[in-house]
PDB file of N, CA and C in Angstrom:
ATOM      1  N   MET A   1     -14.732  16.997  -1.304  1.00  0.00           N
ATOM      2  CA  MET A   1     -15.138  17.652  -2.488  1.00  0.00           C
ATOM      3  C   MET A   1     -14.007  18.466  -3.164  1.00  0.00           C
ATOM      4  N   TYR A   2     -13.120  18.944  -2.111  1.00  0.00           N
ATOM      5  CA  TYR A   2     -11.935  19.705  -2.658  1.00  0.00           C
ATOM      6  C   TYR A   2     -10.746  18.672  -3.316  1.00  0.00           C
ATOM      7  N   ILE A   3     -10.591  17.613  -2.941  1.00  0.00           N
ATOM      8  CA  ILE A   3      -9.698  16.650  -3.609  1.00  0.00           C
ATOM      9  C   ILE A   3     -10.133  16.559  -4.967  1.00  0.00           C
ATOM     10  N   ILE A   4     -11.347  16.207  -5.197  1.00  0.00           N
ATOM     11  CA  ILE A   4     -11.832  16.072  -6.776  1.00  0.00           C
ATOM     12  C   ILE A   4     -11.782  17.176  -7.607  1.00  0.00           C
ATOM     13  N   SER A   5     -12.154  18.368  -6.909  1.00  0.00           N
ATOM     14  CA  SER A   5     -12.052  19.760  -7.719  1.00  0.00           C
ATOM     15  C   SER A   5     -10.561  19.970  -8.013  1.00  0.00           C
ATOM     16  N   ASN A   6      -9.645  19.825  -6.931  1.00  0.00           N
ATOM     17  CA  ASN A   6      -8.220  20.202  -7.261  1.00  0.00           C
ATOM     18  C   ASN A   6      -7.790  19.204  -8.382  1.00  0.00           C
ATOM     19  N   SER A   7      -8.020  17.894  -8.309  1.00  0.00           N
ATOM     20  CA  SER A   7      -7.569  16.874  -9.344  1.00  0.00           C
ATOM     21  C   SER A   7      -8.025  17.414 -10.816  1.00  0.00           C
ATOM     22  N   ILE A   8      -9.321  17.967 -10.880  1.00  0.00           N
ATOM     23  CA  ILE A   8      -9.809  18.308 -12.064  1.00  0.00           C
ATOM     24  C   ILE A   8      -9.173  19.397 -12.629  1.00  0.00           C
ATOM     25  N   VAL A   9      -8.980  20.499 -11.929  1.00  0.00           N
ATOM     26  CA  VAL A   9      -8.498  21.695 -12.352  1.00  0.00           C
ATOM     27  C   VAL A   9      -7.034  21.695 -12.299  1.00  0.00           C
ATOM     28  N   ARG A  10      -6.188  20.738 -11.551  1.00  0.00           N
ATOM     29  CA  ARG A  10      -4.935  20.385 -11.578  1.00  0.00           C
ATOM     30  C   ARG A  10      -4.115  21.621 -10.800  1.00  0.00           C
ATOM     31  N   VAL A  11      -4.983  22.346  -9.967  1.00  0.00           N
ATOM     32  CA  VAL A  11      -4.546  23.520  -9.166  1.00  0.00           C
ATOM     33  C   VAL A  11      -5.130  23.247  -7.842  1.00  0.00           C
ATOM     34  N   LYS A  12      -4.505  23.669  -6.654  1.00  0.00           N
ATOM     35  CA  LYS A  12      -5.157  23.842  -5.444  1.00  0.00           C
ATOM     36  C   LYS A  12      -5.644  25.000  -5.269  1.00  0.00           C
ATOM     37  N   SER A  13      -7.018  24.839  -5.806  1.00  0.00           N
ATOM     38  CA  SER A  13      -7.811  26.299  -5.730  1.00  0.00           C
ATOM     39  C   SER A  13      -9.046  26.162  -5.136  1.00  0.00           C
ATOM     40  N   PHE A  14      -9.628  25.156  -4.600  1.00  0.00           N
ATOM     41  CA  PHE A  14     -10.912  24.973  -4.248  1.00  0.00           C
ATOM     42  C   PHE A  14     -11.274  25.905  -3.268  1.00  0.00           C
ATOM     43  N   TYR A  15     -10.478  25.993  -2.064  1.00  0.00           N
ATOM     44  CA  TYR A  15     -10.918  26.883  -1.025  1.00  0.00           C
ATOM     45  C   TYR A  15     -10.960  28.490  -1.448  1.00  0.00           C
ATOM     46  N   LYS A  16      -9.807  28.667  -2.570  1.00  0.00           N
ATOM     47  CA  LYS A  16      -9.932  30.161  -2.857  1.00  0.00           C
ATOM     48  C   LYS A  16     -11.259  30.359  -3.698  1.00  0.00           C
ATOM     49  N   THR A  17     -11.678  29.428  -4.270  1.00  0.00           N
ATOM     50  CA  THR A  17     -12.922  29.524  -5.139  1.00  0.00           C
ATOM     51  C   THR A  17     -14.153  29.739  -4.229  1.00  0.00           C
ATOM     52  N   ILE A  18     -14.010  28.982  -3.139  1.00  0.00           N
ATOM     53  CA  ILE A  18     -15.134  29.081  -2.069  1.00  0.00           C
ATOM     54  C   ILE A  18     -15.194  30.525  -1.459  1.00  0.00           C
ATOM     55  N   ALA A  19     -14.055  30.846  -1.020  1.00  0.00           N
ATOM     56  CA  ALA A  19     -13.798  32.293  -0.375  1.00  0.00           C
ATOM     57  C   ALA A  19     -14.350  33.335  -1.540  1.00  0.00           C
ATOM     58  N   GLY A  20     -14.144  33.260  -2.784  1.00  0.00           N
ATOM     59  CA  GLY A  20     -14.509  34.042  -3.633  1.00  0.00           C
ATOM     60  C   GLY A  20     -15.972  34.152  -3.787  1.00  0.00           C
ATOM     61  N   ILE A  21     -16.627  33.068  -3.888  1.00  0.00           N
ATOM     62  CA  ILE A  21     -17.969  32.981  -3.888  1.00  0.00           C
ATOM     63  C   ILE A  21     -18.572  33.656  -2.711  1.00  0.00           C
ATOM     64  N   TYR A  22     -18.132  33.483  -1.653  1.00  0.00           N
ATOM     65  CA  TYR A  22     -18.647  34.097  -0.463  1.00  0.00           C
ATOM     66  C   TYR A  22     -18.529  35.638  -0.358  1.00  0.00           C
ATOM     67  N   ASN A  23     -17.202  36.085  -1.024  1.00  0.00           N
ATOM     68  CA  ASN A  23     -16.889  37.320  -1.036  1.00  0.00           C
ATOM     69  C   ASN A  23     -17.843  38.102  -2.087  1.00  0.00           C
ATOM     70  N   LEU A  24     -18.193  37.513  -3.026  1.00  0.00           N
ATOM     71  CA  LEU A  24     -19.230  37.969  -4.224  1.00  0.00           C
ATOM     72  C   LEU A  24     -20.627  38.156  -3.584  1.00  0.00           C
ATOM     73  N   ALA A  25     -20.960  37.221  -2.750  1.00  0.00           N
ATOM     74  CA  ALA A  25     -22.218  37.276  -2.053  1.00  0.00           C
ATOM     75  C   ALA A  25     -22.199  38.336  -1.065  1.00  0.00           C
ATOM     76  N   LYS A  26     -21.266  38.541  -0.318  1.00  0.00           N
ATOM     77  CA  LYS A  26     -21.185  39.763   0.722  1.00  0.00           C
ATOM     78  C   LYS A  26     -21.603  41.102   0.115  1.00  0.00           C
ATOM     79  N   PHE A  27     -21.219  41.222  -1.203  1.00  0.00           N
ATOM     80  CA  PHE A  27     -21.411  42.396  -1.977  1.00  0.00           C
ATOM     81  C   PHE A  27     -22.788  42.314  -2.760  1.00  0.00           C
ATOM     82  N   ASN A  28     -23.471  41.289  -2.555  1.00  0.00           N
ATOM     83  CA  ASN A  28     -24.701  41.203  -3.212  1.00  0.00           C
ATOM     84  C   ASN A  28     -24.685  41.023  -4.723  1.00  0.00           C
ATOM     85  N   PHE A  29     -23.618  40.318  -5.226  1.00  0.00           N
ATOM     86  CA  PHE A  29     -23.569  40.040  -6.511  1.00  0.00           C
ATOM     87  C   PHE A  29     -24.498  38.891  -6.963  1.00  0.00           C
ATOM     88  N   LYS A  30     -25.031  38.846  -8.070  1.00  0.00           N
ATOM     89  CA  LYS A  30     -25.882  37.622  -8.609  1.00  0.00           C
ATOM     90  C   LYS A  30     -24.883  36.643  -8.977  1.00  0.00           C
ATOM     91  N   ILE A  31     -24.795  35.409  -8.366  1.00  0.00           N
ATOM     92  CA  ILE A  31     -23.866  34.430  -8.671  1.00  0.00           C
ATOM     93  C   ILE A  31     -24.388  33.400  -9.426  1.00  0.00           C
ATOM     94  N   GLY A  32     -23.777  32.883 -10.590  1.00  0.00           N
ATOM     95  CA  GLY A  32     -24.076  31.714 -11.201  1.00  0.00           C
ATOM     96  C   GLY A  32     -23.117  30.788 -11.160  1.00  0.00           C
ATOM     97  N   ILE A  33     -23.165  29.413 -11.065  1.00  0.00           N
ATOM     98  CA  ILE A  33     -22.124  28.403 -11.084  1.00  0.00           C
ATOM     99  C   ILE A  33     -22.471  27.562 -12.250  1.00  0.00           C
ATOM    100  N   ARG A  34     -21.180  27.380 -12.867  1.00  0.00           N
ATOM    101  CA  ARG A  34     -21.634  26.346 -14.041  1.00  0.00           C
ATOM    102  C   ARG A  34     -20.689  25.110 -13.699  1.00  0.00           C
ATOM    103  N   ILE A  35     -21.210  24.011 -13.988  1.00  0.00           N
ATOM    104  CA  ILE A  35     -20.498  22.847 -13.713  1.00  0.00           C
ATOM    105  C   ILE A  35     -20.370  22.180 -15.094  1.00  0.00           C
ATOM    106  N   VAL A  36     -19.100  21.773 -15.503  1.00  0.00           N
ATOM    107  CA  VAL A  36     -18.855  21.102 -16.838  1.00  0.00           C
ATOM    108  C   VAL A  36     -18.867  19.675 -16.287  1.00  0.00           C
ATOM    109  N   VAL A  37     -19.727  18.795 -16.880  1.00  0.00           N
ATOM    110  CA  VAL A  37     -20.087  17.442 -16.687  1.00  0.00           C
ATOM    111  C   VAL A  37     -18.982  16.656 -17.688  1.00  0.00           C
ATOM    112  N   HIS A  38     -18.287  15.685 -16.914  1.00  0.00           N
ATOM    113  CA  HIS A  38     -17.418  14.808 -17.636  1.00  0.00           C
ATOM    114  C   HIS A  38     -17.116  13.673 -16.840  1.00  0.00           C
ATOM    115  N   LYS A  39     -15.950  12.728 -17.431  1.00  0.00           N
ATOM    116  CA  LYS A  39     -15.851  11.462 -16.957  1.00  0.00           C
ATOM    117  C   LYS A  39     -15.309  11.507 -15.434  1.00  0.00           C
ATOM    118  N   MET A  40     -14.807  12.663 -15.060  1.00  0.00           N
ATOM    119  CA  MET A  40     -14.063  12.768 -13.797  1.00  0.00           C
ATOM    120  C   MET A  40     -15.136  13.133 -12.624  1.00  0.00           C
ATOM    121  N   ASN A  41     -16.364  13.746 -13.028  1.00  0.00           N
ATOM    122  CA  ASN A  41     -17.230  14.179 -12.002  1.00  0.00           C
ATOM    123  C   ASN A  41     -18.761  13.770 -12.228  1.00  0.00           C
ATOM    124  N   TYR A  42     -19.132  13.143 -13.306  1.00  0.00           N
ATOM    125  CA  TYR A  42     -20.486  12.754 -13.549  1.00  0.00           C
ATOM    126  C   TYR A  42     -21.261  11.989 -12.562  1.00  0.00           C
ATOM    127  N   ASP A  43     -20.364  11.055 -11.912  1.00  0.00           N
ATOM    128  CA  ASP A  43     -20.870  10.140 -10.908  1.00  0.00           C
ATOM    129  C   ASP A  43     -21.015  10.842  -9.433  1.00  0.00           C
ATOM    130  N   ARG A  44     -20.778  12.044  -9.270  1.00  0.00           N
ATOM    131  CA  ARG A  44     -20.810  12.772  -8.032  1.00  0.00           C
ATOM    132  C   ARG A  44     -21.565  13.970  -8.105  1.00  0.00           C
ATOM    133  N   LEU A  45     -22.415  14.188  -9.293  1.00  0.00           N
ATOM    134  CA  LEU A  45     -23.286  15.309  -9.471  1.00  0.00           C
ATOM    135  C   LEU A  45     -24.287  15.506  -8.304  1.00  0.00           C
ATOM    136  N   SER A  46     -24.784  14.357  -7.840  1.00  0.00           N
ATOM    137  CA  SER A  46     -25.800  14.381  -6.664  1.00  0.00           C
ATOM    138  C   SER A  46     -25.137  15.008  -5.559  1.00  0.00           C
ATOM    139  N   GLN A  47     -24.029  14.601  -5.106  1.00  0.00           N
ATOM    140  CA  GLN A  47     -23.268  15.146  -4.109  1.00  0.00           C
ATOM    141  C   GLN A  47     -22.822  16.480  -4.140  1.00  0.00           C
ATOM    142  N   LEU A  48     -22.473  16.867  -5.277  1.00  0.00           N
ATOM    143  CA  LEU A  48     -22.135  18.343  -5.726  1.00  0.00           C
ATOM    144  C   LEU A  48     -23.405  19.216  -5.566  1.00  0.00           C
ATOM    145  N   SER A  49     -24.474  18.672  -6.243  1.00  0.00           N
ATOM    146  CA  SER A  49     -25.751  19.446  -6.021  1.00  0.00           C
ATOM    147  C   SER A  49     -26.157  19.680  -4.653  1.00  0.00           C
ATOM    148  N   GLU A  50     -26.000  18.774  -3.830  1.00  0.00           N
ATOM    149  CA  GLU A  50     -26.278  18.873  -2.282  1.00  0.00           C
ATOM    150  C   GLU A  50     -25.403  19.895  -1.527  1.00  0.00           C
ATOM    151  N   TYR A  51     -23.967  19.890  -1.905  1.00  0.00           N
ATOM    152  CA  TYR A  51     -23.181  20.650  -1.546  1.00  0.00           C
ATOM    153  C   TYR A  51     -23.393  22.158  -1.889  1.00  0.00           C
ATOM    154  N   ILE A  52     -23.772  22.447  -2.982  1.00  0.00           N
ATOM    155  CA  ILE A  52     -23.973  23.809  -3.544  1.00  0.00           C
ATOM    156  C   ILE A  52     -25.341  24.473  -2.834  1.00  0.00           C
ATOM    157  N   TYR A  53     -26.347  23.438  -2.804  1.00  0.00           N
ATOM    158  CA  TYR A  53     -27.614  23.833  -2.042  1.00  0.00           C
ATOM    159  C   TYR A  53     -27.347  24.273  -0.716  1.00  0.00           C
ATOM    160  N   SER A  54     -26.517  23.243   0.055  1.00  0.00           N
ATOM    161  CA  SER A  54     -26.390  23.490   1.558  1.00  0.00           C
ATOM    162  C   SER A  54     -25.534  24.682   1.763  1.00  0.00           C
ATOM    163  N   ASN A  55     -24.484  24.934   0.934  1.00  0.00           N
ATOM    164  CA  ASN A  55     -23.593  25.928   1.304  1.00  0.00           C
ATOM    165  C   ASN A  55     -23.620  27.186   0.724  1.00  0.00           C
ATOM    166  N   PHE A  56     -24.268  27.434  -0.328  1.00  0.00           N
ATOM    167  CA  PHE A  56     -24.693  28.568  -1.143  1.00  0.00           C
ATOM    168  C   PHE A  56     -26.059  28.807  -1.584  1.00  0.00           C
ATOM    169  N   PRO A  57     -26.735  29.099  -0.504  1.00  0.00           N
ATOM    170  CA  PRO A  57     -28.379  29.325  -0.799  1.00  0.00           C
ATOM    171  C   PRO A  57     -28.466  30.685  -1.479  1.00  0.00           C
ATOM    172  N   PHE A  58     -27.532  31.510  -1.452  1.00  0.00           N
ATOM    173  CA  PHE A  58     -27.625  32.724  -2.190  1.00  0.00           C
ATOM    174  C   PHE A  58     -27.404  32.738  -3.666  1.00  0.00           C
ATOM    175  N   VAL A  59     -26.983  31.589  -4.243  1.00  0.00           N
ATOM    176  CA  VAL A  59     -26.626  31.507  -5.681  1.00  0.00           C
ATOM    177  C   VAL A  59     -27.739  31.431  -6.310  1.00  0.00           C
ATOM    178  N   TYR A  60     -27.847  32.355  -7.391  1.00  0.00           N
ATOM    179  CA  TYR A  60     -28.835  32.620  -8.382  1.00  0.00           C
ATOM    180  C   TYR A  60     -29.235  31.704  -9.330  1.00  0.00           C
ATOM    181  N   HIS A  61     -28.163  30.964  -9.966  1.00  0.00           N
ATOM    182  CA  HIS A  61     -28.237  30.090 -10.962  1.00  0.00           C
ATOM    183  C   HIS A  61     -27.219  28.888 -11.061  1.00  0.00           C
ATOM    184  N   VAL A  62     -27.670  27.839 -11.129  1.00  0.00           N
ATOM    185  CA  VAL A  62     -26.608  26.568 -11.307  1.00  0.00           C
ATOM    186  C   VAL A  62     -26.953  25.949 -12.635  1.00  0.00           C
ATOM    187  N   ALA A  63     -25.844  25.837 -13.367  1.00  0.00           N
ATOM    188  CA  ALA A  63     -25.977  25.081 -14.736  1.00  0.00           C
ATOM    189  C   ALA A  63     -24.867  23.908 -14.969  1.00  0.00           C
ATOM    190  N   PHE A  64     -25.595  22.921 -15.346  1.00  0.00           N
ATOM    191  CA  PHE A  64     -24.821  21.759 -15.631  1.00  0.00           C
ATOM    192  C   PHE A  64     -24.558  21.694 -17.115  1.00  0.00           C
ATOM    193  N   MET A  65     -23.344  21.781 -17.489  1.00  0.00           N
ATOM    194  CA  MET A  65     -22.938  22.025 -19.007  1.00  0.00           C
ATOM    195  C   MET A  65     -22.360  20.926 -19.655  1.00  0.00           C
ATOM    196  N   GLN A  66     -22.104  20.775 -20.902  1.00  0.00           N
ATOM    197  CA  GLN A  66     -21.447  19.665 -21.589  1.00  0.00           C
ATOM    198  C   GLN A  66     -20.219  20.219 -21.780  1.00  0.00           C
ATOM    199  N   MET A  67     -19.224  19.363 -21.779  1.00  0.00           N
ATOM    200  CA  MET A  67     -17.739  19.628 -22.093  1.00  0.00           C
ATOM    201  C   MET A  67     -17.552  19.879 -23.561  1.00  0.00           C
ATOM    202  N   GLU A  68     -16.796  20.933 -23.923  1.00  0.00           N
ATOM    203  CA  GLU A  68     -16.438  21.234 -25.333  1.00  0.00           C
ATOM    204  C   GLU A  68     -14.807  20.889 -25.500  1.00  0.00           C
ATOM    205  N   PRO A  69     -14.679  19.948 -26.335  1.00  0.00           N
ATOM    206  CA  PRO A  69     -13.187  19.560 -26.473  1.00  0.00           C
ATOM    207  C   PRO A  69     -12.259  20.421 -27.150  1.00  0.00           C
ATOM    208  N   ILE A  70     -12.132  21.601 -26.482  1.00  0.00           N
ATOM    209  CA  ILE A  70     -11.121  22.554 -26.814  1.00  0.00           C
ATOM    210  C   ILE A  70     -10.184  22.958 -25.841  1.00  0.00           C
ATOM    211  N   GLY A  71      -8.960  23.524 -26.108  1.00  0.00           N
ATOM    212  CA  GLY A  71      -8.079  23.949 -25.134  1.00  0.00           C
ATOM    213  C   GLY A  71      -7.365  22.829 -24.395  1.00  0.00           C
ATOM    214  N   TYR A  72      -7.296  22.892 -23.217  1.00  0.00           N
ATOM    215  CA  TYR A  72      -6.849  21.912 -22.050  1.00  0.00           C
ATOM    216  C   TYR A  72      -7.705  20.587 -22.116  1.00  0.00           C
ATOM    217  N   ALA A  73      -9.036  20.858 -22.256  1.00  0.00           N
ATOM    218  CA  ALA A  73      -9.983  19.674 -22.424  1.00  0.00           C
ATOM    219  C   ALA A  73      -9.642  18.709 -23.666  1.00  0.00           C
ATOM    220  N   TYR A  74      -9.307  19.430 -24.726  1.00  0.00           N
ATOM    221  CA  TYR A  74      -8.863  18.729 -25.906  1.00  0.00           C
ATOM    222  C   TYR A  74      -7.535  17.731 -25.481  1.00  0.00           C
ATOM    223  N   ASP A  75      -6.556  18.524 -24.794  1.00  0.00           N
ATOM    224  CA  ASP A  75      -5.352  17.907 -24.539  1.00  0.00           C
ATOM    225  C   ASP A  75      -5.400  16.790 -23.428  1.00  0.00           C
ATOM    226  N   ASN A  76      -6.586  16.812 -22.860  1.00  0.00           N
ATOM    227  CA  ASN A  76      -6.785  15.654 -21.891  1.00  0.00           C
ATOM    228  C   ASN A  76      -8.070  14.849 -21.937  1.00  0.00           C
ATOM    229  N   LEU A  77      -8.492  14.802 -23.172  1.00  0.00           N
ATOM    230  CA  LEU A  77      -9.514  14.021 -23.651  1.00  0.00           C
ATOM    231  C   LEU A  77      -9.711  12.732 -22.994  1.00  0.00           C
ATOM    232  N   ASN A  78      -8.541  11.943 -22.917  1.00  0.00           N
ATOM    233  CA  ASN A  78      -8.578  10.449 -22.370  1.00  0.00           C
ATOM    234  C   ASN A  78      -9.094  10.519 -20.744  1.00  0.00           C
ATOM    235  N   ASP A  79      -8.668  11.585 -20.158  1.00  0.00           N
ATOM    236  CA  ASP A  79      -8.839  11.645 -18.820  1.00  0.00           C
ATOM    237  C   ASP A  79     -10.494  12.206 -18.480  1.00  0.00           C
ATOM    238  N   LEU A  80     -10.884  12.963 -19.473  1.00  0.00           N
ATOM    239  CA  LEU A  80     -12.192  13.572 -19.446  1.00  0.00           C
ATOM    240  C   LEU A  80     -13.224  12.996 -20.264  1.00  0.00           C
TER     241      LEU A  80
END
């Protein structure tokens, strides 16, 4: 999971993100996760959903969202 995440965001941040989610949970924050669906991740949404369900039972809300072609997304439209 982490290799795909890091290649999409182009930063090695997967484990920091996971640590941040667990840190928020430790302090009883309501946590929502948003997944932007695009060409690089649409075929793994089932695995991603299982990962979230298995590892973050405390997450309040999960949303699958469409990509908006602005900013970096617009600059990388061929990849996304």
